[in-house]
Amino acid sequence: MSTKSLQTRFMTLLFALMFAGTAQARWSLDNDASRLSFITVKAEHVAEVHTFDMLSGTIGDDGEVEITIQLASVNTMIPIRNERMQEMLFETNLFPQATITGNINLEALTGLEAGASLARQIDFTLDLHGESLGLTADVQITRTGEGVVVSTLQPIIVMADSFALTAGVEKLREVAGLPGISRAVPVSFTVVFEQGH
């Protein structure tokens, strides 16, 4: 085989590998390994932790992050309360999903060795209940063998009135016969993304 032919085959293989790397650069959220929780405070001093059990998301080649929360998957450990939150608070028949969108430095992410981590402040947009608001989160990003784990370093405070949820909170308060429910809700998450899935 001639030198030119070898060079041609080598370049073809190189481009094929480069293309394969680009095609597999997409990162997908692992729902089973991820968790998003929020805390409600009722009757002044009673705090309870709730979760959303269905999350999905991606990180694109350009570092664009999108996470989708299925609001009907809210889990308070009490079925009737789950139904009330779905119907009265989130109105999942009208607003079935909430989305988080933002951007991360993908080069810094892929440059991390497995087990290494870094702290970052990220800006993101939360779309919830027909409203959209820019928020900031302090997170720790840890590289794993096949992906990355992103966790909040401190809770993000989400205000009910910023997302037209105040009326829903009041409905929940009335039906439960409570003196009050806080409209400031701390939210925390740990999300796991894996590459090439």
N, C-alpha and C. Protein backbone atom coordinates (compact mmCIF):
# COMPACT_ATOMS: atom_id res chain seq x y z
N MET A 1 0.85 -1.20 0.00
CA MET A 1 0.00 0.00 0.00
C MET A 1 0.89 1.24 0.00
N SER A 2 0.55 2.20 -0.85
CA SER A 2 1.38 3.40 -0.98
C SER A 2 1.27 4.29 0.24
N THR A 3 2.28 5.16 0.37
CA THR A 3 2.27 6.12 1.49
C THR A 3 1.06 7.03 1.41
N LYS A 4 0.71 7.44 0.19
CA LYS A 4 -0.44 8.33 0.00
C LYS A 4 -1.73 7.65 0.41
N SER A 5 -1.83 6.34 0.06
CA SER A 5 -3.03 5.59 0.42
C SER A 5 -3.15 5.45 1.94
N LEU A 6 -2.01 5.20 2.59
CA LEU A 6 -2.00 5.09 4.05
C LEU A 6 -2.41 6.41 4.70
N GLN A 7 -1.90 7.51 4.16
CA GLN A 7 -2.25 8.83 4.70
C GLN A 7 -3.75 9.11 4.54
N THR A 8 -4.28 8.71 3.40
CA THR A 8 -5.71 8.92 3.13
C THR A 8 -6.56 8.13 4.13
N ARG A 9 -6.18 6.86 4.35
CA ARG A 9 -6.94 6.02 5.29
C ARG A 9 -6.82 6.55 6.72
N PHE A 10 -5.64 7.04 7.06
CA PHE A 10 -5.43 7.60 8.39
C PHE A 10 -6.30 8.83 8.61
N MET A 11 -6.34 9.71 7.60
CA MET A 11 -7.15 10.93 7.72
C MET A 11 -8.63 10.59 7.79
N THR A 12 -9.04 9.59 7.00
CA THR A 12 -10.45 9.16 7.04
C THR A 12 -10.81 8.65 8.43
N LEU A 13 -9.94 7.83 9.01
CA LEU A 13 -10.17 7.30 10.35
C LEU A 13 -10.20 8.42 11.39
N LEU A 14 -9.28 9.38 11.25
CA LEU A 14 -9.21 10.51 12.18
C LEU A 14 -10.50 11.32 12.15
N PHE A 15 -10.99 11.65 10.96
CA PHE A 15 -12.23 12.41 10.84
C PHE A 15 -13.42 11.62 11.38
N ALA A 16 -13.41 10.29 11.16
CA ALA A 16 -14.50 9.46 11.67
C ALA A 16 -14.52 9.49 13.19
N LEU A 17 -13.33 9.42 13.80
CA LEU A 17 -13.25 9.47 15.26
C LEU A 17 -13.68 10.83 15.79
N MET A 18 -13.28 11.88 15.10
CA MET A 18 -13.67 13.24 15.52
C MET A 18 -15.18 13.40 15.43
N PHE A 19 -15.78 12.89 14.35
CA PHE A 19 -17.22 13.00 14.19
C PHE A 19 -17.95 12.20 15.25
N ALA A 20 -17.42 11.00 15.54
CA ALA A 20 -18.05 10.17 16.58
C ALA A 20 -18.00 10.86 17.92
N GLY A 21 -16.89 11.53 18.24
CA GLY A 21 -16.76 12.24 19.50
C GLY A 21 -17.75 13.36 19.61
N THR A 22 -17.97 14.07 18.49
CA THR A 22 -18.94 15.16 18.50
C THR A 22 -20.35 14.63 18.67
N ALA A 23 -20.64 13.51 17.97
CA ALA A 23 -21.99 12.96 18.03
C ALA A 23 -22.33 12.46 19.43
N GLN A 24 -21.31 12.06 20.19
CA GLN A 24 -21.56 11.52 21.51
C GLN A 24 -21.37 12.57 22.62
N ALA A 25 -21.22 13.83 22.22
CA ALA A 25 -20.94 14.87 23.21
C ALA A 25 -22.17 15.22 24.03
N ARG A 26 -23.35 14.80 23.58
CA ARG A 26 -24.58 15.13 24.29
C ARG A 26 -24.62 14.39 25.63
N TRP A 27 -25.06 15.09 26.65
CA TRP A 27 -25.17 14.52 27.99
C TRP A 27 -26.67 14.42 28.34
N SER A 28 -27.07 13.31 28.93
CA SER A 28 -28.47 13.10 29.30
C SER A 28 -28.61 12.90 30.81
N LEU A 29 -29.67 13.46 31.37
CA LEU A 29 -29.92 13.35 32.80
C LEU A 29 -30.36 11.94 33.16
N ASP A 30 -29.78 11.40 34.22
CA ASP A 30 -30.16 10.10 34.76
C ASP A 30 -31.19 10.33 35.86
N ASN A 31 -32.46 10.05 35.55
CA ASN A 31 -33.53 10.35 36.51
C ASN A 31 -33.38 9.55 37.80
N ASP A 32 -33.01 8.29 37.68
CA ASP A 32 -32.92 7.42 38.86
C ASP A 32 -31.85 7.89 39.85
N ALA A 33 -30.81 8.53 39.34
CA ALA A 33 -29.71 8.97 40.20
C ALA A 33 -29.84 10.44 40.61
N SER A 34 -30.88 11.12 40.10
CA SER A 34 -31.05 12.55 40.36
C SER A 34 -32.17 12.81 41.36
N ARG A 35 -32.11 13.97 41.98
CA ARG A 35 -33.13 14.31 42.99
C ARG A 35 -33.32 15.83 43.04
N LEU A 36 -34.58 16.24 43.03
CA LEU A 36 -34.93 17.66 43.21
C LEU A 36 -35.93 17.71 44.36
N SER A 37 -35.61 18.47 45.39
CA SER A 37 -36.48 18.55 46.56
C SER A 37 -36.80 19.99 46.92
N PHE A 38 -37.91 20.17 47.62
CA PHE A 38 -38.27 21.50 48.11
C PHE A 38 -38.91 21.36 49.49
N ILE A 39 -38.80 22.41 50.26
CA ILE A 39 -39.29 22.40 51.65
C ILE A 39 -40.46 23.36 51.79
N THR A 40 -41.53 22.89 52.39
CA THR A 40 -42.64 23.77 52.72
C THR A 40 -42.70 23.93 54.24
N VAL A 41 -43.10 25.12 54.66
CA VAL A 41 -43.25 25.40 56.09
C VAL A 41 -44.69 25.83 56.33
N LYS A 42 -45.37 25.09 57.19
CA LYS A 42 -46.77 25.40 57.49
C LYS A 42 -46.93 25.62 58.99
N ALA A 43 -47.98 26.34 59.35
CA ALA A 43 -48.27 26.62 60.76
C ALA A 43 -47.03 27.14 61.49
N GLU A 44 -46.27 27.96 60.79
CA GLU A 44 -45.10 28.69 61.31
C GLU A 44 -43.87 27.83 61.55
N HIS A 45 -44.02 26.64 62.11
CA HIS A 45 -42.83 25.89 62.54
C HIS A 45 -42.74 24.46 62.01
N VAL A 46 -43.70 24.03 61.17
CA VAL A 46 -43.70 22.65 60.69
C VAL A 46 -43.13 22.62 59.27
N ALA A 47 -41.92 22.06 59.13
CA ALA A 47 -41.25 21.99 57.83
C ALA A 47 -41.31 20.56 57.30
N GLU A 48 -41.60 20.43 56.01
CA GLU A 48 -41.67 19.11 55.37
C GLU A 48 -40.93 19.14 54.05
N VAL A 49 -40.27 18.03 53.72
CA VAL A 49 -39.50 17.92 52.49
C VAL A 49 -40.29 17.12 51.46
N HIS A 50 -40.37 17.65 50.25
CA HIS A 50 -41.08 17.00 49.15
C HIS A 50 -40.13 16.88 47.96
N THR A 51 -40.47 16.01 47.02
CA THR A 51 -39.63 15.82 45.84
C THR A 51 -40.47 15.80 44.57
N PHE A 52 -39.78 15.92 43.45
CA PHE A 52 -40.36 15.62 42.14
C PHE A 52 -39.63 14.37 41.65
N ASP A 53 -40.41 13.36 41.24
CA ASP A 53 -39.81 12.06 40.93
C ASP A 53 -39.50 11.86 39.45
N MET A 54 -39.95 12.77 38.59
CA MET A 54 -39.71 12.60 37.15
C MET A 54 -38.99 13.82 36.59
N LEU A 55 -37.70 13.64 36.33
CA LEU A 55 -36.86 14.68 35.75
C LEU A 55 -36.25 14.17 34.46
N SER A 56 -36.03 15.06 33.52
CA SER A 56 -35.29 14.72 32.31
C SER A 56 -34.48 15.93 31.92
N GLY A 57 -33.46 15.73 31.11
CA GLY A 57 -32.65 16.88 30.73
C GLY A 57 -31.46 16.52 29.87
N THR A 58 -30.85 17.54 29.31
CA THR A 58 -29.68 17.36 28.45
C THR A 58 -28.70 18.51 28.65
N ILE A 59 -27.45 18.24 28.30
CA ILE A 59 -26.45 19.29 28.10
C ILE A 59 -26.00 19.17 26.66
N GLY A 60 -26.17 20.22 25.88
CA GLY A 60 -25.83 20.18 24.47
C GLY A 60 -24.36 20.42 24.21
N ASP A 61 -23.97 20.30 22.95
CA ASP A 61 -22.57 20.50 22.56
C ASP A 61 -22.07 21.90 22.88
N ASP A 62 -22.99 22.86 22.95
CA ASP A 62 -22.61 24.25 23.22
C ASP A 62 -22.69 24.60 24.70
N GLY A 63 -22.96 23.60 25.56
CA GLY A 63 -23.04 23.86 26.99
C GLY A 63 -24.41 24.28 27.47
N GLU A 64 -25.39 24.30 26.55
CA GLU A 64 -26.75 24.66 26.94
C GLU A 64 -27.37 23.53 27.77
N VAL A 65 -27.87 23.90 28.94
CA VAL A 65 -28.48 22.92 29.84
C VAL A 65 -29.99 23.13 29.85
N GLU A 66 -30.72 22.04 29.77
CA GLU A 66 -32.18 22.11 29.91
C GLU A 66 -32.64 20.94 30.77
N ILE A 67 -33.39 21.25 31.81
CA ILE A 67 -33.95 20.23 32.69
C ILE A 67 -35.46 20.42 32.73
N THR A 68 -36.18 19.35 32.54
CA THR A 68 -37.64 19.39 32.57
C THR A 68 -38.15 18.64 33.79
N ILE A 69 -39.05 19.28 34.53
CA ILE A 69 -39.64 18.70 35.73
C ILE A 69 -41.11 18.39 35.44
N GLN A 70 -41.49 17.12 35.58
CA GLN A 70 -42.90 16.76 35.43
C GLN A 70 -43.61 17.07 36.75
N LEU A 71 -44.42 18.12 36.75
CA LEU A 71 -45.02 18.59 37.99
C LEU A 71 -46.00 17.60 38.61
N ALA A 72 -46.59 16.74 37.78
CA ALA A 72 -47.51 15.73 38.31
C ALA A 72 -46.78 14.65 39.11
N SER A 73 -45.44 14.66 39.04
CA SER A 73 -44.66 13.68 39.79
C SER A 73 -44.32 14.17 41.19
N VAL A 74 -44.94 15.28 41.63
CA VAL A 74 -44.68 15.79 42.97
C VAL A 74 -45.00 14.70 44.00
N ASN A 75 -44.10 14.53 44.94
CA ASN A 75 -44.24 13.45 45.92
C ASN A 75 -44.09 14.02 47.33
N THR A 76 -45.21 14.07 48.04
CA THR A 76 -45.21 14.57 49.42
C THR A 76 -45.36 13.43 50.43
N MET A 77 -45.41 12.20 49.92
CA MET A 77 -45.61 10.99 50.73
C MET A 77 -47.05 10.84 51.21
N ILE A 78 -47.93 11.76 50.80
CA ILE A 78 -49.35 11.67 51.15
C ILE A 78 -50.16 11.84 49.86
N PRO A 79 -50.79 10.78 49.35
CA PRO A 79 -51.47 10.83 48.05
C PRO A 79 -52.46 11.99 47.89
N ILE A 80 -53.31 12.24 48.88
CA ILE A 80 -54.29 13.31 48.74
C ILE A 80 -53.60 14.66 48.64
N ARG A 81 -52.48 14.83 49.34
CA ARG A 81 -51.75 16.09 49.26
C ARG A 81 -51.08 16.23 47.90
N ASN A 82 -50.59 15.12 47.35
CA ASN A 82 -50.04 15.16 45.99
C ASN A 82 -51.08 15.67 45.01
N GLU A 83 -52.30 15.12 45.10
CA GLU A 83 -53.38 15.51 44.21
C GLU A 83 -53.74 16.99 44.37
N ARG A 84 -53.78 17.46 45.63
CA ARG A 84 -54.11 18.87 45.87
C ARG A 84 -53.05 19.80 45.29
N MET A 85 -51.77 19.42 45.44
CA MET A 85 -50.71 20.26 44.88
C MET A 85 -50.80 20.28 43.35
N GLN A 86 -51.07 19.11 42.76
CA GLN A 86 -51.20 19.05 41.30
C GLN A 86 -52.32 19.95 40.81
N GLU A 87 -53.49 19.85 41.47
CA GLU A 87 -54.69 20.54 41.00
C GLU A 87 -54.74 22.01 41.43
N MET A 88 -54.46 22.28 42.70
CA MET A 88 -54.67 23.63 43.25
C MET A 88 -53.46 24.53 43.12
N LEU A 89 -52.26 23.96 43.23
CA LEU A 89 -51.06 24.78 43.22
C LEU A 89 -50.44 24.87 41.83
N PHE A 90 -50.02 23.73 41.31
CA PHE A 90 -49.32 23.73 40.03
C PHE A 90 -50.26 23.77 38.83
N GLU A 91 -51.52 23.38 39.03
CA GLU A 91 -52.50 23.32 37.94
C GLU A 91 -51.91 22.55 36.75
N THR A 92 -51.57 21.29 37.02
CA THR A 92 -50.85 20.50 36.02
C THR A 92 -51.66 20.24 34.75
N ASN A 93 -52.98 20.41 34.81
CA ASN A 93 -53.77 20.28 33.58
C ASN A 93 -53.46 21.41 32.60
N LEU A 94 -53.03 22.55 33.13
CA LEU A 94 -52.66 23.69 32.29
C LEU A 94 -51.14 23.83 32.13
N PHE A 95 -50.42 23.51 33.17
CA PHE A 95 -48.96 23.67 33.19
C PHE A 95 -48.31 22.36 33.66
N PRO A 96 -48.21 21.39 32.78
CA PRO A 96 -47.71 20.07 33.20
C PRO A 96 -46.23 20.02 33.55
N GLN A 97 -45.46 20.98 33.05
CA GLN A 97 -44.00 20.93 33.23
C GLN A 97 -43.45 22.26 33.72
N ALA A 98 -42.32 22.17 34.39
CA ALA A 98 -41.48 23.33 34.66
C ALA A 98 -40.14 23.06 33.98
N THR A 99 -39.48 24.09 33.51
CA THR A 99 -38.18 23.89 32.85
C THR A 99 -37.13 24.82 33.45
N ILE A 100 -35.93 24.30 33.53
CA ILE A 100 -34.76 25.05 33.96
C ILE A 100 -33.80 25.09 32.77
N THR A 101 -33.38 26.28 32.37
CA THR A 101 -32.44 26.42 31.26
C THR A 101 -31.28 27.30 31.68
N GLY A 102 -30.11 26.96 31.20
CA GLY A 102 -28.91 27.74 31.53
C GLY A 102 -27.76 27.30 30.64
N ASN A 103 -26.56 27.71 31.01
CA ASN A 103 -25.39 27.38 30.22
C ASN A 103 -24.21 27.14 31.14
N ILE A 104 -23.41 26.12 30.82
CA ILE A 104 -22.19 25.86 31.58
C ILE A 104 -21.00 25.80 30.63
N ASN A 105 -19.82 25.95 31.19
CA ASN A 105 -18.59 25.88 30.41
C ASN A 105 -18.26 24.41 30.18
N LEU A 106 -18.57 23.92 28.99
CA LEU A 106 -18.40 22.50 28.72
C LEU A 106 -16.93 22.09 28.68
N GLU A 107 -16.06 23.01 28.25
CA GLU A 107 -14.63 22.69 28.20
C GLU A 107 -14.08 22.46 29.61
N ALA A 108 -14.49 23.32 30.55
CA ALA A 108 -14.04 23.14 31.94
C ALA A 108 -14.58 21.83 32.50
N LEU A 109 -15.79 21.48 32.09
CA LEU A 109 -16.42 20.25 32.57
C LEU A 109 -15.69 19.02 32.07
N THR A 110 -15.46 18.96 30.77
CA THR A 110 -14.82 17.78 30.18
C THR A 110 -13.34 17.71 30.53
N GLY A 111 -12.77 18.85 30.95
CA GLY A 111 -11.36 18.86 31.32
C GLY A 111 -11.09 18.32 32.72
N LEU A 112 -12.15 18.13 33.49
CA LEU A 112 -11.98 17.60 34.84
C LEU A 112 -11.63 16.11 34.81
N GLU A 113 -10.75 15.70 35.70
CA GLU A 113 -10.47 14.28 35.85
C GLU A 113 -11.55 13.65 36.73
N ALA A 114 -11.76 12.35 36.56
CA ALA A 114 -12.75 11.65 37.36
C ALA A 114 -12.46 11.81 38.85
N GLY A 115 -13.48 12.22 39.60
CA GLY A 115 -13.33 12.45 41.03
C GLY A 115 -13.05 13.89 41.39
N ALA A 116 -12.64 14.69 40.40
CA ALA A 116 -12.35 16.10 40.66
C ALA A 116 -13.63 16.91 40.66
N SER A 117 -13.65 18.02 41.39
CA SER A 117 -14.84 18.85 41.45
C SER A 117 -14.45 20.32 41.48
N LEU A 118 -15.41 21.16 41.16
CA LEU A 118 -15.22 22.60 41.23
C LEU A 118 -16.53 23.26 41.61
N ALA A 119 -16.43 24.43 42.22
CA ALA A 119 -17.60 25.19 42.63
C ALA A 119 -17.82 26.32 41.61
N ARG A 120 -19.08 26.54 41.26
CA ARG A 120 -19.42 27.57 40.30
C ARG A 120 -20.73 28.25 40.70
N GLN A 121 -20.87 29.49 40.31
CA GLN A 121 -22.15 30.18 40.43
C GLN A 121 -22.74 30.23 39.02
N ILE A 122 -23.93 29.68 38.86
CA ILE A 122 -24.53 29.63 37.53
C ILE A 122 -25.84 30.41 37.51
N ASP A 123 -26.07 31.08 36.42
CA ASP A 123 -27.33 31.77 36.19
C ASP A 123 -28.24 30.85 35.37
N PHE A 124 -29.50 30.83 35.70
CA PHE A 124 -30.43 29.99 34.95
C PHE A 124 -31.80 30.65 34.94
N THR A 125 -32.65 30.15 34.08
CA THR A 125 -34.03 30.64 33.97
C THR A 125 -34.98 29.52 34.37
N LEU A 126 -35.91 29.84 35.25
CA LEU A 126 -36.94 28.89 35.65
C LEU A 126 -38.26 29.31 35.03
N ASP A 127 -38.83 28.41 34.24
CA ASP A 127 -40.17 28.62 33.67
C ASP A 127 -41.14 27.73 34.44
N LEU A 128 -42.08 28.37 35.14
CA LEU A 128 -43.00 27.64 36.02
C LEU A 128 -44.35 28.34 36.05
N HIS A 129 -45.40 27.58 35.83
CA HIS A 129 -46.77 28.09 35.98
C HIS A 129 -47.02 29.32 35.11
N GLY A 130 -46.45 29.31 33.90
CA GLY A 130 -46.67 30.40 32.96
C GLY A 130 -45.80 31.62 33.17
N GLU A 131 -44.92 31.58 34.15
CA GLU A 131 -44.03 32.69 34.44
C GLU A 131 -42.58 32.27 34.24
N SER A 132 -41.73 33.25 33.95
CA SER A 132 -40.31 32.97 33.72
C SER A 132 -39.47 33.96 34.52
N LEU A 133 -38.45 33.44 35.21
CA LEU A 133 -37.63 34.29 36.07
C LEU A 133 -36.19 33.81 36.07
N GLY A 134 -35.26 34.77 36.02
CA GLY A 134 -33.85 34.44 36.11
C GLY A 134 -33.42 34.30 37.57
N LEU A 135 -32.68 33.24 37.87
CA LEU A 135 -32.21 32.96 39.22
C LEU A 135 -30.73 32.57 39.18
N THR A 136 -30.12 32.50 40.35
CA THR A 136 -28.72 32.14 40.46
C THR A 136 -28.56 31.01 41.45
N ALA A 137 -27.66 30.08 41.16
CA ALA A 137 -27.42 28.95 42.06
C ALA A 137 -25.92 28.76 42.26
N ASP A 138 -25.53 28.49 43.50
CA ASP A 138 -24.16 28.09 43.80
C ASP A 138 -24.13 26.57 43.79
N VAL A 139 -23.33 26.00 42.89
CA VAL A 139 -23.33 24.55 42.73
C VAL A 139 -21.92 23.99 42.80
N GLN A 140 -21.85 22.70 43.09
CA GLN A 140 -20.60 21.96 43.00
C GLN A 140 -20.75 20.95 41.87
N ILE A 141 -19.75 20.95 40.99
CA ILE A 141 -19.76 20.05 39.84
C ILE A 141 -18.66 19.02 40.04
N THR A 142 -19.03 17.76 40.01
CA THR A 142 -18.07 16.67 40.22
C THR A 142 -18.06 15.75 39.01
N ARG A 143 -16.88 15.49 38.50
CA ARG A 143 -16.74 14.60 37.34
C ARG A 143 -16.72 13.16 37.81
N THR A 144 -17.47 12.33 37.12
CA THR A 144 -17.46 10.89 37.39
C THR A 144 -16.83 10.19 36.20
N GLY A 145 -16.75 8.87 36.27
CA GLY A 145 -16.14 8.15 35.17
C GLY A 145 -16.87 8.33 33.86
N GLU A 146 -18.21 8.36 33.91
CA GLU A 146 -19.00 8.46 32.67
C GLU A 146 -19.85 9.71 32.59
N GLY A 147 -19.74 10.58 33.58
CA GLY A 147 -20.61 11.74 33.55
C GLY A 147 -20.21 12.81 34.54
N VAL A 148 -21.22 13.49 35.06
CA VAL A 148 -21.00 14.61 35.96
C VAL A 148 -22.17 14.71 36.92
N VAL A 149 -21.87 15.12 38.16
CA VAL A 149 -22.89 15.34 39.18
C VAL A 149 -22.90 16.83 39.52
N VAL A 150 -24.06 17.45 39.47
CA VAL A 150 -24.20 18.87 39.80
C VAL A 150 -25.12 18.98 41.00
N SER A 151 -24.63 19.58 42.10
CA SER A 151 -25.40 19.69 43.33
C SER A 151 -25.41 21.12 43.83
N THR A 152 -26.52 21.55 44.39
CA THR A 152 -26.59 22.87 45.00
C THR A 152 -25.76 22.88 46.28
N LEU A 153 -24.99 23.96 46.47
CA LEU A 153 -24.22 24.12 47.70
C LEU A 153 -25.08 24.74 48.79
N GLN A 154 -26.12 25.44 48.40
CA GLN A 154 -27.09 25.99 49.34
C GLN A 154 -28.43 26.08 48.62
N PRO A 155 -29.53 26.02 49.37
CA PRO A 155 -30.85 26.03 48.72
C PRO A 155 -31.09 27.31 47.93
N ILE A 156 -31.89 27.17 46.89
CA ILE A 156 -32.36 28.31 46.09
C ILE A 156 -33.74 28.67 46.63
N ILE A 157 -33.94 29.94 46.97
CA ILE A 157 -35.24 30.37 47.50
C ILE A 157 -36.14 30.79 46.34
N VAL A 158 -37.24 30.08 46.20
CA VAL A 158 -38.22 30.38 45.16
C VAL A 158 -39.45 30.98 45.83
N MET A 159 -39.85 32.14 45.37
CA MET A 159 -41.01 32.84 45.94
C MET A 159 -42.27 32.51 45.16
N ALA A 160 -43.32 32.11 45.86
CA ALA A 160 -44.57 31.73 45.21
C ALA A 160 -45.15 32.86 44.37
N ASP A 161 -45.04 34.11 44.87
CA ASP A 161 -45.64 35.22 44.13
C ASP A 161 -44.90 35.54 42.83
N SER A 162 -43.67 35.06 42.68
CA SER A 162 -42.92 35.29 41.43
C SER A 162 -43.45 34.42 40.30
N PHE A 163 -44.22 33.39 40.63
CA PHE A 163 -44.71 32.46 39.62
C PHE A 163 -46.23 32.29 39.67
N ALA A 164 -46.90 33.33 40.14
CA ALA A 164 -48.37 33.33 40.20
C ALA A 164 -48.92 32.11 40.93
N LEU A 165 -48.24 31.72 42.02
CA LEU A 165 -48.65 30.56 42.80
C LEU A 165 -49.30 30.94 44.14
N THR A 166 -49.41 32.23 44.41
CA THR A 166 -49.94 32.67 45.70
C THR A 166 -51.37 32.21 45.93
N ALA A 167 -52.20 32.31 44.90
CA ALA A 167 -53.60 31.88 45.03
C ALA A 167 -53.66 30.38 45.32
N GLY A 168 -52.77 29.61 44.68
CA GLY A 168 -52.74 28.18 44.91
C GLY A 168 -52.31 27.83 46.33
N VAL A 169 -51.34 28.57 46.84
CA VAL A 169 -50.91 28.37 48.23
C VAL A 169 -52.06 28.65 49.19
N GLU A 170 -52.81 29.69 48.90
CA GLU A 170 -53.94 30.04 49.76
C GLU A 170 -55.03 28.96 49.71
N LYS A 171 -55.26 28.39 48.53
CA LYS A 171 -56.24 27.30 48.42
C LYS A 171 -55.81 26.09 49.25
N LEU A 172 -54.53 25.77 49.18
CA LEU A 172 -54.01 24.66 49.97
C LEU A 172 -54.16 24.93 51.47
N ARG A 173 -53.89 26.16 51.84
CA ARG A 173 -54.01 26.53 53.26
C ARG A 173 -55.44 26.36 53.74
N GLU A 174 -56.39 26.82 52.92
CA GLU A 174 -57.80 26.74 53.31
C GLU A 174 -58.28 25.30 53.41
N VAL A 175 -57.97 24.49 52.41
CA VAL A 175 -58.48 23.13 52.40
C VAL A 175 -57.86 22.28 53.51
N ALA A 176 -56.65 22.64 53.92
CA ALA A 176 -55.98 21.91 54.99
C ALA A 176 -56.29 22.49 56.37
N GLY A 177 -56.97 23.64 56.40
CA GLY A 177 -57.32 24.28 57.67
C GLY A 177 -56.11 24.76 58.45
N LEU A 178 -55.12 25.30 57.73
CA LEU A 178 -53.89 25.76 58.38
C LEU A 178 -53.90 27.27 58.59
N PRO A 179 -53.22 27.74 59.63
CA PRO A 179 -53.13 29.19 59.84
C PRO A 179 -52.24 29.88 58.81
N GLY A 180 -51.33 29.13 58.21
CA GLY A 180 -50.46 29.75 57.21
C GLY A 180 -49.54 28.74 56.56
N ILE A 181 -49.12 29.05 55.32
CA ILE A 181 -48.10 28.28 54.59
C ILE A 181 -47.12 29.30 54.02
N SER A 182 -45.84 29.09 54.24
CA SER A 182 -44.83 30.03 53.77
C SER A 182 -44.83 30.11 52.24
N ARG A 183 -44.65 31.31 51.74
CA ARG A 183 -44.57 31.52 50.29
C ARG A 183 -43.13 31.52 49.79
N ALA A 184 -42.19 31.40 50.71
CA ALA A 184 -40.77 31.28 50.35
C ALA A 184 -40.39 29.80 50.47
N VAL A 185 -39.94 29.22 49.37
CA VAL A 185 -39.71 27.78 49.32
C VAL A 185 -38.24 27.48 48.96
N PRO A 186 -37.48 26.89 49.89
CA PRO A 186 -36.11 26.49 49.57
C PRO A 186 -36.10 25.25 48.66
N VAL A 187 -35.32 25.32 47.59
CA VAL A 187 -35.23 24.22 46.62
C VAL A 187 -33.78 23.77 46.50
N SER A 188 -33.55 22.46 46.52
CA SER A 188 -32.21 21.89 46.36
C SER A 188 -32.25 20.78 45.32
N PHE A 189 -31.12 20.54 44.68
CA PHE A 189 -31.10 19.44 43.71
C PHE A 189 -29.71 18.82 43.61
N THR A 190 -29.71 17.57 43.23
CA THR A 190 -28.51 16.86 42.79
C THR A 190 -28.91 16.17 41.50
N VAL A 191 -28.29 16.56 40.40
CA VAL A 191 -28.62 15.96 39.11
C VAL A 191 -27.38 15.30 38.52
N VAL A 192 -27.60 14.15 37.93
CA VAL A 192 -26.51 13.38 37.33
C VAL A 192 -26.71 13.33 35.81
N PHE A 193 -25.69 13.74 35.08
CA PHE A 193 -25.71 13.65 33.63
C PHE A 193 -24.66 12.64 33.19
N GLU A 194 -25.03 11.82 32.22
CA GLU A 194 -24.09 10.86 31.65
C GLU A 194 -23.92 11.14 30.16
N GLN A 195 -22.73 10.95 29.69
CA GLN A 195 -22.40 11.29 28.31
C GLN A 195 -22.65 10.11 27.38
N GLY A 196 -23.16 10.46 26.20
CA GLY A 196 -23.33 9.45 25.16
C GLY A 196 -24.50 8.53 25.35
N HIS A 197 -25.53 8.99 26.14
CA HIS A 197 -26.72 8.15 26.37
C HIS A 197 -27.91 8.77 25.63
